Amino acid sequence: MGGMGFFDLRSTASRFRFFAVLEALSWIGLLTGMAFKYLPAEGNEIGVKIFGPVHGGIFVLFVISALLAARELNWPWKTTVLALASSIPPLFTVIFEVWAVRTGQLGELSANASKGSAAATPTAS
């Protein structure tokens, strides 16, 4: 693989990782925007107006990347459901991605992780 690391989007697994992290970051932006809208007495809606559509678009891209990963990486239906459900609670896409790498669900990303550390070895479910 090239030296691009996180931004190397040539494989389905790396695209899935990229959109999982982007989805979590967009959640942070949206939650921050919501805090500025609802916490002060005279709230400011600009954060929600910016991050709402951004988060929505990234959410759609994450769902598409999850479905493509499920098909290409031959995920069992339970893994696919977990991936899709991880997009609902804030930041869970990253938690799912870490789990998927550790349990061998993300193809070459899982293989690379297992070469790097014993912590990435799949555990009994």
Protein backbone atom coordinates (compact mmCIF):
# COMPACT_ATOMS: atom_id res chain seq x y z
CA MET A 1 0.00 0.00 0.00
CA GLY A 2 1.16 3.57 -0.64
CA GLY A 3 2.32 6.08 1.93
CA MET A 4 -1.03 7.89 2.02
CA GLY A 5 -2.29 5.96 5.08
CA PHE A 6 -5.70 7.17 6.25
CA PHE A 7 -6.33 9.05 2.98
CA ASP A 8 -5.57 6.06 0.74
CA LEU A 9 -9.10 5.27 -0.43
CA ARG A 10 -8.25 2.60 -3.00
CA SER A 11 -9.88 -0.28 -1.12
CA THR A 12 -13.40 -0.82 0.18
CA ALA A 13 -12.08 -1.33 3.72
CA SER A 14 -10.08 1.91 3.70
CA ARG A 15 -13.04 3.86 2.30
CA PHE A 16 -15.22 2.39 5.04
CA ARG A 17 -12.67 3.49 7.69
CA PHE A 18 -12.49 6.99 6.17
CA PHE A 19 -16.27 7.49 6.20
CA ALA A 20 -16.58 5.96 9.70
CA VAL A 21 -14.18 8.58 11.07
CA LEU A 22 -15.74 11.41 9.04
CA GLU A 23 -19.19 10.42 10.29
CA ALA A 24 -17.98 10.61 13.89
CA LEU A 25 -16.32 13.99 13.29
CA SER A 26 -19.49 15.35 11.70
CA TRP A 27 -21.41 14.18 14.80
CA ILE A 28 -19.01 16.23 16.94
CA GLY A 29 -19.64 19.27 14.74
CA LEU A 30 -23.41 18.80 14.87
CA LEU A 31 -23.44 18.27 18.66
CA THR A 32 -21.30 21.39 19.10
CA GLY A 33 -23.70 23.34 16.87
CA MET A 34 -26.65 22.05 18.90
CA ALA A 35 -24.95 23.10 22.14
CA PHE A 36 -24.54 26.65 20.82
CA LYS A 37 -28.14 26.65 19.63
CA TYR A 38 -29.81 25.39 22.80
CA LEU A 39 -27.53 26.11 25.77
CA PRO A 40 -27.25 29.93 25.70
CA ALA A 41 -30.45 31.86 26.32
CA GLU A 42 -30.11 33.54 22.92
CA GLY A 43 -28.91 30.55 20.88
CA ASN A 44 -27.08 30.76 17.58
CA GLU A 45 -28.29 28.39 14.85
CA ILE A 46 -25.33 28.75 12.47
CA GLY A 47 -23.59 25.57 13.73
CA VAL A 48 -26.70 23.45 13.15
CA LYS A 49 -27.29 25.08 9.74
CA ILE A 50 -23.74 24.18 8.72
CA PHE A 51 -23.21 20.79 10.36
CA GLY A 52 -26.75 19.45 9.91
CA PRO A 53 -26.48 19.06 6.12
CA VAL A 54 -22.78 18.11 6.34
CA HIS A 55 -23.57 15.35 8.82
CA GLY A 56 -26.54 14.20 6.73
CA GLY A 57 -24.42 13.90 3.60
CA ILE A 58 -21.61 12.06 5.39
CA PHE A 59 -24.19 9.78 7.03
CA VAL A 60 -25.45 8.75 3.57
CA LEU A 61 -21.87 8.16 2.36
CA PHE A 62 -21.16 6.04 5.46
CA VAL A 63 -24.27 3.91 4.89
CA ILE A 64 -23.29 3.37 1.24
CA SER A 65 -19.70 2.48 2.21
CA ALA A 66 -21.00 0.07 4.89
CA LEU A 67 -23.27 -1.69 2.39
CA LEU A 68 -20.46 -1.93 -0.17
CA ALA A 69 -18.07 -3.25 2.50
CA ALA A 70 -20.65 -5.80 3.60
CA ARG A 71 -20.99 -7.05 0.04
CA GLU A 72 -17.31 -7.01 -0.93
CA LEU A 73 -15.94 -8.31 2.40
CA ASN A 74 -18.69 -10.93 2.80
CA TRP A 75 -19.90 -9.71 6.17
CA PRO A 76 -22.48 -11.84 7.96
CA TRP A 77 -25.87 -10.10 8.24
CA LYS A 78 -25.28 -9.40 11.97
CA THR A 79 -22.08 -7.49 11.18
CA THR A 80 -23.89 -5.50 8.49
CA VAL A 81 -26.70 -4.60 10.90
CA LEU A 82 -24.13 -3.57 13.54
CA ALA A 83 -22.32 -1.38 11.01
CA LEU A 84 -25.53 0.36 9.97
CA ALA A 85 -26.74 0.74 13.57
CA SER A 86 -23.37 2.24 14.55
CA SER A 87 -24.24 5.32 12.50
CA ILE A 88 -27.07 6.28 14.85
CA PRO A 89 -25.41 6.96 18.24
CA PRO A 90 -22.70 9.63 18.15
CA LEU A 91 -19.14 8.31 17.57
CA PHE A 92 -20.17 4.63 17.39
CA THR A 93 -18.93 4.32 13.79
CA VAL A 94 -15.38 4.57 15.10
CA ILE A 95 -16.09 2.03 17.85
CA PHE A 96 -17.51 -0.33 15.21
CA GLU A 97 -14.49 0.24 12.93
CA VAL A 98 -12.05 -0.64 15.75
CA TRP A 99 -14.07 -3.78 16.53
CA ALA A 100 -14.23 -4.72 12.84
CA VAL A 101 -10.45 -4.40 12.46
CA ARG A 102 -9.80 -6.46 15.60
CA THR A 103 -12.22 -9.22 14.62
CA GLY A 104 -10.96 -9.57 11.06
CA GLN A 105 -13.97 -7.96 9.34
CA LEU A 106 -12.04 -5.26 7.43
CA GLY A 107 -9.90 -7.26 5.04
CA GLU A 108 -6.41 -5.87 4.59
CA LEU A 109 -6.87 -3.37 7.44
CA SER A 110 -7.43 -6.29 9.80
CA ALA A 111 -4.45 -8.17 8.31
CA ASN A 112 -2.20 -5.11 8.71
CA ALA A 113 -3.37 -4.59 12.29
CA SER A 114 -2.69 -8.19 13.28
CA LYS A 115 0.87 -7.91 11.95
CA GLY A 116 1.43 -4.81 14.08
CA SER A 117 0.26 -5.95 17.50
CA ALA A 118 -1.10 -8.82 19.50
CA ALA A 119 -3.99 -6.58 20.64
CA ALA A 120 -5.49 -6.78 17.15
CA THR A 121 -5.84 -10.56 17.29
CA PRO A 122 -9.50 -11.63 17.07
CA THR A 123 -11.04 -12.67 20.34
CA ALA A 124 -13.83 -15.11 21.04
CA SER A 125 -17.28 -13.57 20.61
